[in-house]
N, C-alpha and C. Protein backbone atom coordinates (compact mmCIF):
# COMPACT_ATOMS: atom_id res chain seq x y z
N UNK A 1 15.28 3.08 1.82
CA UNK A 1 14.68 4.29 1.27
C UNK A 1 14.17 5.10 2.77
N UNK A 2 13.85 6.27 2.28
CA UNK A 2 13.40 7.01 3.30
C UNK A 2 12.11 7.00 3.45
N UNK A 3 11.13 7.32 4.47
CA UNK A 3 9.75 6.93 4.21
C UNK A 3 9.02 8.16 4.34
N UNK A 4 10.19 9.35 4.75
CA UNK A 4 9.30 10.75 4.89
C UNK A 4 9.71 11.62 3.73
N UNK A 5 8.90 11.34 2.35
CA UNK A 5 8.76 11.65 1.11
C UNK A 5 8.17 12.51 0.86
N UNK A 6 7.02 12.83 1.58
CA UNK A 6 5.62 13.75 1.49
C UNK A 6 5.62 14.66 2.78
N UNK A 7 5.75 15.80 2.53
CA UNK A 7 6.08 17.24 3.42
C UNK A 7 4.67 16.95 4.33
N UNK A 8 4.81 17.02 4.72
CA UNK A 8 3.35 16.79 5.99
C UNK A 8 2.38 18.19 6.23
N UNK A 9 1.13 17.89 5.76
CA UNK A 9 0.29 17.93 5.35
C UNK A 9 -1.06 18.20 6.02
N UNK A 10 -1.84 19.58 6.03
CA UNK A 10 -3.30 19.76 6.71
C UNK A 10 -3.52 18.35 5.76
N UNK A 11 -4.95 17.86 6.71
CA UNK A 11 -5.53 16.65 6.17
C UNK A 11 -6.50 16.84 4.93
N UNK A 12 -5.69 16.14 4.06
CA UNK A 12 -5.85 16.67 2.26
C UNK A 12 -7.33 16.10 2.21
N UNK A 13 -8.13 16.90 1.56
CA UNK A 13 -9.48 16.85 0.91
C UNK A 13 -9.92 16.86 -0.91
N UNK A 14 -10.93 17.18 -1.28
CA UNK A 14 -11.11 16.63 -2.61
C UNK A 14 -10.58 17.72 -3.34
N UNK A 15 -10.35 18.86 -2.82
CA UNK A 15 -9.70 19.96 -3.49
C UNK A 15 -8.41 19.74 -3.88
N UNK A 16 -7.91 18.57 -3.23
CA UNK A 16 -6.37 18.72 -3.29
C UNK A 16 -6.05 17.48 -4.87
N UNK A 17 -7.32 16.95 -5.27
CA UNK A 17 -7.36 15.90 -6.58
C UNK A 17 -6.82 16.73 -7.67
N UNK A 18 -5.87 16.09 -8.50
CA UNK A 18 -4.54 14.90 -8.74
C UNK A 18 -4.00 15.90 -8.06
N UNK A 19 -3.13 14.93 -7.18
CA UNK A 19 -1.75 15.90 -6.52
C UNK A 19 -1.01 16.38 -7.25
N UNK A 20 -0.50 15.22 -8.15
CA UNK A 20 0.74 15.80 -9.52
C UNK A 20 0.06 17.30 -10.40
N UNK A 21 -1.18 16.95 -10.11
CA UNK A 21 -1.57 18.83 -10.54
C UNK A 21 -1.38 20.13 -9.65
N UNK A 22 -2.09 19.58 -8.49
CA UNK A 22 -2.05 20.48 -7.32
C UNK A 22 -1.24 20.86 -6.07
N UNK A 23 -0.39 19.61 -5.93
CA UNK A 23 0.76 19.64 -4.95
C UNK A 23 1.96 19.05 -5.38
N UNK A 24 2.80 19.11 -7.09
CA UNK A 24 3.87 18.41 -7.50
C UNK A 24 4.70 18.90 -6.61
N UNK A 25 5.24 19.61 -5.85
CA UNK A 25 5.74 20.10 -5.23
C UNK A 25 6.30 19.22 -3.62
N UNK A 26 5.42 19.05 -3.38
CA UNK A 26 5.42 17.87 -2.20
C UNK A 26 5.35 16.59 -2.73
N UNK A 27 5.46 16.38 -4.03
CA UNK A 27 5.50 14.92 -4.07
C UNK A 27 6.87 14.59 -4.27
N UNK A 28 7.51 13.31 -4.07
CA UNK A 28 9.01 12.92 -4.19
C UNK A 28 8.63 11.18 -4.24
N UNK A 29 9.84 10.93 -5.19
CA UNK A 29 10.17 9.58 -5.69
C UNK A 29 9.95 8.91 -4.16
N UNK A 30 10.14 7.63 -4.28
CA UNK A 30 11.26 6.88 -3.16
C UNK A 30 12.89 7.01 -2.93
N UNK A 31 13.40 7.69 -3.57
CA UNK A 31 14.42 8.03 -3.73
C UNK A 31 14.95 9.31 -3.46
N UNK A 32 13.83 10.56 -3.42
CA UNK A 32 13.79 11.19 -2.72
C UNK A 32 13.72 12.66 -3.95
N UNK A 33 13.61 12.09 -4.99
CA UNK A 33 13.70 12.96 -6.56
C UNK A 33 12.19 14.00 -6.60
N UNK A 34 12.31 14.96 -6.79
CA UNK A 34 11.28 15.83 -6.91
C UNK A 34 10.06 14.60 -8.10
N UNK A 35 9.11 14.74 -8.03
CA UNK A 35 8.10 14.02 -8.47
C UNK A 35 8.31 14.73 -10.15
N UNK A 36 8.64 16.02 -10.29
CA UNK A 36 8.38 16.59 -11.09
C UNK A 36 9.12 16.20 -12.54
N UNK A 37 10.48 15.48 -11.56
CA UNK A 37 11.69 15.24 -12.66
C UNK A 37 11.55 14.16 -13.17
N UNK A 38 10.50 13.26 -12.96
CA UNK A 38 10.09 12.34 -13.62
C UNK A 38 9.39 12.53 -15.21
N UNK A 39 9.52 12.56 -15.66
CA UNK A 39 9.37 12.73 -17.36
C UNK A 39 9.62 11.67 -18.57
N UNK A 40 9.15 11.29 -19.42
CA UNK A 40 9.09 10.49 -20.12
C UNK A 40 10.88 10.79 -20.66
N UNK A 41 11.17 12.09 -21.04
CA UNK A 41 12.69 11.84 -21.50
C UNK A 41 13.65 11.80 -20.34
N UNK A 42 13.53 12.34 -18.97
CA UNK A 42 14.66 11.36 -18.07
C UNK A 42 14.49 9.98 -18.04
N UNK A 43 13.52 9.37 -18.22
CA UNK A 43 13.02 7.56 -17.85
C UNK A 43 14.28 7.06 -19.13
N UNK A 44 13.56 7.73 -20.72
CA UNK A 44 13.87 7.22 -21.79
C UNK A 44 15.45 7.37 -22.15
N UNK A 45 16.31 8.61 -20.85
CA UNK A 45 17.72 8.84 -21.32
C UNK A 45 18.35 7.94 -19.84
N UNK A 46 17.68 6.96 -19.40
CA UNK A 46 17.92 6.60 -18.51
C UNK A 46 18.67 6.93 -16.52
N UNK A 47 17.88 8.02 -16.59
CA UNK A 47 18.06 9.04 -15.36
C UNK A 47 17.29 8.65 -14.08
N UNK A 48 16.32 7.70 -14.43
CA UNK A 48 15.34 7.53 -13.36
C UNK A 48 15.95 5.69 -13.08
N UNK A 49 15.86 5.76 -12.16
CA UNK A 49 15.97 4.15 -11.45
C UNK A 49 14.29 3.91 -11.14
N UNK A 50 14.46 2.34 -11.64
CA UNK A 50 13.53 1.83 -11.66
C UNK A 50 12.39 1.84 -10.31
N UNK A 51 13.00 1.83 -9.20
CA UNK A 51 12.94 2.22 -7.87
C UNK A 51 11.73 3.49 -7.91
N UNK A 52 12.06 4.35 -8.38
CA UNK A 52 11.37 6.02 -8.64
C UNK A 52 10.25 5.63 -9.40
N UNK A 53 9.82 4.69 -10.02
CA UNK A 53 8.39 4.70 -10.58
C UNK A 53 7.70 4.21 -10.01
N UNK A 54 7.84 3.72 -8.61
CA UNK A 54 6.95 3.14 -7.92
C UNK A 54 6.36 4.17 -6.82
N UNK A 55 5.29 3.89 -6.30
CA UNK A 55 4.25 4.77 -5.63
C UNK A 55 4.75 4.90 -3.83
N UNK A 56 4.99 6.01 -3.21
CA UNK A 56 5.65 5.98 -1.74
C UNK A 56 4.01 5.33 -0.99
N UNK A 57 4.37 5.52 0.23
CA UNK A 57 3.33 5.00 1.16
C UNK A 57 2.34 6.63 1.57
N UNK A 58 3.04 7.47 1.82
CA UNK A 58 2.96 9.10 1.78
C UNK A 58 1.83 9.30 0.88
N UNK A 59 2.23 9.16 -0.58
CA UNK A 59 1.06 9.86 -1.62
C UNK A 59 0.18 9.05 -1.54
N UNK A 60 0.32 7.38 -1.46
CA UNK A 60 -0.97 6.43 -1.24
C UNK A 60 -2.34 7.03 -0.16
N UNK A 61 -1.00 7.78 0.95
CA UNK A 61 -1.99 7.90 2.59
C UNK A 61 -2.72 8.91 1.99
N UNK A 62 -1.78 10.27 1.18
CA UNK A 62 -3.01 11.58 1.10
C UNK A 62 -3.80 11.15 -0.08
N UNK A 63 -3.65 10.30 -0.57
CA UNK A 63 -4.73 9.92 -1.59
C UNK A 63 -5.92 9.34 -1.08
N UNK A 64 -5.73 8.50 0.13
CA UNK A 64 -6.97 7.81 0.62
C UNK A 64 -7.80 9.21 1.60
N UNK A 65 -7.03 10.04 1.97
CA UNK A 65 -7.44 11.58 2.79
C UNK A 65 -8.38 11.55 1.76
N UNK A 66 -8.03 11.91 0.54
CA UNK A 66 -8.97 12.59 -0.27
C UNK A 66 -10.14 11.42 -0.78
N UNK A 67 -9.70 10.29 -0.95
CA UNK A 67 -10.92 9.57 -1.43
C UNK A 67 -12.11 9.62 -0.02
N UNK A 68 -11.32 9.67 1.39
CA UNK A 68 -12.34 9.20 2.47
C UNK A 68 -13.17 10.62 2.75
N UNK A 69 -12.57 11.91 1.93
CA UNK A 69 -12.94 13.25 2.50
C UNK A 69 -14.40 12.94 0.80
N UNK A 70 -13.93 12.07 0.17
CA UNK A 70 -15.00 12.41 -1.20
C UNK A 70 -16.31 11.53 -0.59
N UNK A 71 -15.87 10.91 0.46
CA UNK A 71 -17.17 9.76 0.68
C UNK A 71 -16.97 8.53 0.14
N UNK A 72 -15.79 8.07 -0.15
CA UNK A 72 -15.22 6.88 -0.67
C UNK A 72 -14.59 6.06 -0.19
N UNK A 73 -15.08 5.58 1.04
CA UNK A 73 -14.49 5.12 2.39
C UNK A 73 -13.87 3.67 1.91
N UNK A 74 -14.01 3.01 1.09
CA UNK A 74 -13.92 1.58 0.82
C UNK A 74 -12.65 1.50 0.09
N UNK A 75 -12.47 2.67 -0.84
CA UNK A 75 -11.70 3.15 -1.87
C UNK A 75 -10.18 3.97 -0.68
N UNK A 76 -10.99 4.27 0.49
CA UNK A 76 -9.57 4.93 1.13
C UNK A 76 -8.89 3.82 1.88
N UNK A 77 -9.51 2.71 2.48
CA UNK A 77 -9.10 1.52 2.94
C UNK A 77 -8.23 0.75 2.08
N UNK A 78 -8.51 0.51 0.71
CA UNK A 78 -7.96 -0.15 -0.04
C UNK A 78 -6.70 0.36 -0.59
N UNK A 79 -5.98 1.92 -0.44
CA UNK A 79 -5.23 2.91 -0.53
C UNK A 79 -4.53 2.65 0.35
N UNK A 80 -4.82 2.67 1.96
CA UNK A 80 -4.12 2.49 2.82
C UNK A 80 -3.53 1.06 2.84
N UNK A 81 -4.36 0.04 2.99
CA UNK A 81 -3.73 -1.00 2.46
C UNK A 81 -2.50 -1.59 1.41
N UNK A 82 -2.78 -0.87 0.34
CA UNK A 82 -1.75 -0.60 -0.61
C UNK A 82 -0.69 0.04 0.11
N UNK A 83 -0.75 0.98 0.57
CA UNK A 83 0.77 2.12 1.39
C UNK A 83 1.24 0.90 2.10
N UNK A 84 0.63 0.35 2.87
CA UNK A 84 1.28 -0.92 3.58
C UNK A 84 2.33 -1.67 3.09
N UNK A 85 1.58 -2.03 2.11
CA UNK A 85 2.40 -3.34 0.98
C UNK A 85 3.58 -2.80 0.37
N UNK A 86 3.90 -1.42 0.51
CA UNK A 86 4.84 -0.76 -0.56
C UNK A 86 6.06 -1.34 -0.27
N UNK A 87 6.76 -1.50 0.98
CA UNK A 87 8.13 -1.93 1.25
C UNK A 87 7.78 -3.35 1.66
N UNK A 88 6.97 -4.00 1.11
CA UNK A 88 6.90 -5.37 1.10
C UNK A 88 7.08 -6.42 -0.60
N UNK A 89 8.47 -7.11 -0.33
CA UNK A 89 9.17 -7.56 -1.63
C UNK A 89 7.66 -8.40 -2.63
N UNK A 90 7.87 -7.95 -3.54
CA UNK A 90 7.12 -8.48 -4.60
C UNK A 90 7.05 -9.97 -4.76
N UNK A 91 7.63 -10.90 -4.28
CA UNK A 91 7.67 -12.37 -3.84
C UNK A 91 7.16 -12.38 -3.11
N UNK A 92 7.23 -11.62 -1.86
CA UNK A 92 5.93 -12.06 -0.46
C UNK A 92 4.52 -11.46 -1.14
N UNK A 93 4.13 -10.40 -2.18
CA UNK A 93 2.65 -10.46 -2.67
C UNK A 93 2.55 -11.28 -3.67
N UNK A 94 3.29 -11.87 -4.55
CA UNK A 94 2.82 -13.28 -5.23
C UNK A 94 2.00 -13.95 -4.56
N UNK A 95 3.45 -14.09 -3.73
CA UNK A 95 2.60 -15.49 -2.59
C UNK A 95 1.44 -15.36 -1.62
N UNK A 96 1.13 -13.91 -1.22
CA UNK A 96 0.20 -14.00 -0.89
C UNK A 96 -1.38 -13.68 -1.51
N UNK A 97 -0.64 -13.40 -3.08
CA UNK A 97 -2.04 -13.26 -4.19
C UNK A 97 -2.28 -15.04 -4.26
N UNK A 98 -1.61 -15.52 -4.20
CA UNK A 98 -1.56 -17.11 -4.37
C UNK A 98 -2.41 -18.05 -3.68
N UNK A 99 -1.81 -17.37 -2.05
CA UNK A 99 -2.73 -18.01 -1.31
C UNK A 99 -4.21 -17.25 -1.13
N UNK A 100 -4.38 -16.45 -1.49
CA UNK A 100 -6.07 -15.36 -1.13
C UNK A 100 -6.69 -16.49 -2.21
N UNK A 101 -6.37 -16.90 -3.72
CA UNK A 101 -7.11 -17.57 -4.36
C UNK A 101 -7.91 -18.64 -4.19
N UNK A 102 -8.87 -18.71 -4.03
CA UNK A 102 -9.74 -19.84 -2.93
C UNK A 102 -9.42 -21.14 -3.60
N UNK A 103 -9.20 -22.09 -2.69
CA UNK A 103 -8.73 -23.33 -2.49
C UNK A 103 -7.56 -23.43 -3.12
N UNK A 104 -6.70 -22.61 -2.52
CA UNK A 104 -5.12 -22.43 -3.00
C UNK A 104 -4.49 -23.01 -1.95
N UNK A 105 -4.82 -22.50 -0.57
CA UNK A 105 -3.96 -22.35 0.56
C UNK A 105 -4.89 -22.85 1.55
N UNK A 106 -4.64 -22.89 3.05
CA UNK A 106 -5.34 -22.76 3.94
C UNK A 106 -5.59 -21.95 5.14
N UNK A 107 -6.36 -22.37 6.12
CA UNK A 107 -6.54 -21.61 7.35
C UNK A 107 -4.95 -20.79 7.91
N UNK A 108 -4.82 -22.27 8.19
CA UNK A 108 -3.01 -21.67 8.70
C UNK A 108 -2.30 -20.50 7.84
N UNK A 109 -2.15 -21.64 6.86
CA UNK A 109 -1.17 -20.19 6.09
C UNK A 109 -1.93 -18.68 5.82
N UNK A 110 -2.95 -18.73 5.76
CA UNK A 110 -3.42 -17.28 5.48
C UNK A 110 -2.94 -16.55 7.00
N UNK A 111 -3.55 -17.26 7.95
CA UNK A 111 -3.24 -16.50 9.18
C UNK A 111 -1.64 -16.36 9.56
N UNK A 112 -0.84 -17.25 8.93
CA UNK A 112 0.67 -17.01 9.23
C UNK A 112 1.10 -15.86 8.56
N UNK A 113 0.63 -15.83 7.36
CA UNK A 113 1.14 -14.60 6.19
C UNK A 113 0.64 -13.47 7.01
N UNK A 114 -0.45 -13.36 7.53
CA UNK A 114 -0.99 -11.94 8.38
C UNK A 114 -0.28 -11.81 9.27
N UNK A 115 0.21 -12.75 10.34
CA UNK A 115 1.22 -12.66 11.08
C UNK A 115 2.78 -11.89 10.90
N UNK A 116 3.13 -12.86 9.65
CA UNK A 116 4.13 -11.91 9.09
C UNK A 116 4.33 -11.04 8.50
N UNK A 117 2.97 -10.30 8.26
CA UNK A 117 3.07 -8.74 7.26
C UNK A 117 2.84 -7.80 8.44
N UNK A 118 2.14 -8.58 9.84
CA UNK A 118 2.13 -7.46 10.65
C UNK A 118 3.52 -7.59 11.31
N UNK A 119 4.38 -8.21 11.75
CA UNK A 119 5.67 -8.27 12.63
C UNK A 119 6.71 -7.62 11.87
N UNK A 120 6.62 -8.09 10.60
CA UNK A 120 7.92 -7.61 9.58
C UNK A 120 7.97 -5.98 8.91
N UNK A 121 6.23 -5.80 8.76
CA UNK A 121 5.88 -4.32 7.85
C UNK A 121 5.36 -3.86 8.58
N UNK A 122 4.46 -4.19 9.74
CA UNK A 122 3.92 -3.49 10.59
C UNK A 122 2.35 -3.15 9.40
N UNK A 123 2.29 -4.20 8.74
CA UNK A 123 0.67 -4.10 7.90
C UNK A 123 -0.57 -4.20 8.63
N UNK A 124 -0.97 -3.66 9.48
CA UNK A 124 -2.30 -4.26 10.19
C UNK A 124 -3.55 -4.28 9.39
N UNK A 125 -3.48 -3.58 8.72
CA UNK A 125 -4.61 -3.75 8.04
C UNK A 125 -4.58 -4.98 7.01
N UNK A 126 -3.36 -5.10 6.26
CA UNK A 126 -3.51 -6.16 5.61
C UNK A 126 -3.57 -7.63 6.43
N UNK A 127 -2.84 -7.52 7.42
CA UNK A 127 -3.02 -8.86 8.47
C UNK A 127 -4.61 -8.95 8.48
N UNK A 128 -5.23 -7.90 9.32
CA UNK A 128 -6.88 -8.11 9.03
C UNK A 128 -7.43 -8.73 7.98
N UNK A 129 -7.19 -8.17 6.73
CA UNK A 129 -7.56 -8.58 5.70
C UNK A 129 -7.37 -10.25 5.63
N UNK A 130 -5.82 -10.61 5.70
CA UNK A 130 -5.73 -11.81 5.50
C UNK A 130 -6.51 -12.67 6.43
N UNK A 131 -6.87 -12.42 7.80
CA UNK A 131 -7.66 -12.86 9.05
C UNK A 131 -9.22 -12.97 8.24
N UNK A 132 -9.77 -12.14 7.91
CA UNK A 132 -11.10 -12.17 7.16
C UNK A 132 -11.32 -12.76 6.14
N UNK A 133 -9.97 -12.92 5.38
CA UNK A 133 -10.03 -13.66 4.32
C UNK A 133 -10.85 -15.60 4.65
N UNK A 134 -9.50 -15.69 5.90
CA UNK A 134 -9.39 -17.10 6.49
C UNK A 134 -10.79 -17.46 7.02
N UNK A 135 -11.18 -16.34 7.83
CA UNK A 135 -13.01 -16.83 8.54
C UNK A 135 -13.42 -17.06 7.18
N UNK A 136 -13.86 -16.19 6.12
CA UNK A 136 -14.43 -16.32 4.99
C UNK A 136 -14.73 -17.70 4.05
N UNK A 137 -13.35 -18.02 4.06
CA UNK A 137 -12.97 -19.02 3.42
C UNK A 137 -13.29 -20.49 4.32
N UNK A 138 -12.94 -20.51 5.20
CA UNK A 138 -12.87 -21.44 5.95
C UNK A 138 -14.02 -21.73 6.82
N UNK A 139 -14.97 -20.42 7.48
CA UNK A 139 -15.71 -20.26 8.45
C UNK A 139 -15.51 -20.76 9.89
N UNK A 140 -14.29 -20.47 9.92
CA UNK A 140 -13.97 -19.94 11.78
C UNK A 140 -13.48 -18.63 11.94
N UNK A 141 -13.15 -18.64 13.27
CA UNK A 141 -13.01 -17.35 13.52
C UNK A 141 -11.62 -17.47 13.27
N UNK A 142 -11.10 -16.21 12.70
CA UNK A 142 -9.96 -15.51 12.16
C UNK A 142 -8.70 -14.98 13.13
N UNK A 143 -8.90 -15.59 14.50
CA UNK A 143 -8.03 -15.13 15.30
C UNK A 143 -6.72 -16.04 15.27
N UNK A 144 -6.36 -15.61 16.49
CA UNK A 144 -4.79 -16.64 16.25
C UNK A 144 -5.15 -18.26 16.33
N UNK A 145 -4.19 -19.03 16.17
CA UNK A 145 -4.06 -20.46 15.56
C UNK A 145 -4.61 -21.10 17.05
N UNK A 146 -5.69 -22.13 16.96
CA UNK A 146 -5.89 -22.72 18.26
C UNK A 146 -4.56 -23.77 18.62
N UNK A 147 -4.48 -23.81 19.93
CA UNK A 147 -3.07 -24.50 20.32
C UNK A 147 -3.30 -25.85 20.52
């Protein structure tokens, strides 16, 4: 999957929202189709692979910039964490979800998942989030495991 689907743009602002209306020519699907090619008709005719119904990292980053410009920093952080999770397999996301449920995991499991996300997917924000959860749940520093 090509990760260069959104043309480089100047930093997005609130005037760029909604992207699908203001910049449809710049949005691409994960396989590279123009966003405008995704219509109910093309989906019903089977001309759109399931992969193309997913969001791209670039579109989420652009949305994060818009949220930031609107003063919605927490939303921007959430969108950037979501962008990091785009390449993560669904099974791994479900494993992380289960591990984050209170009483369902250990500090070690959360820290190991954080390291795996960072190592395998470059998901530093998500890794930090899991370490923060480990610290909140277990009251211990969320750095590296003690030796």
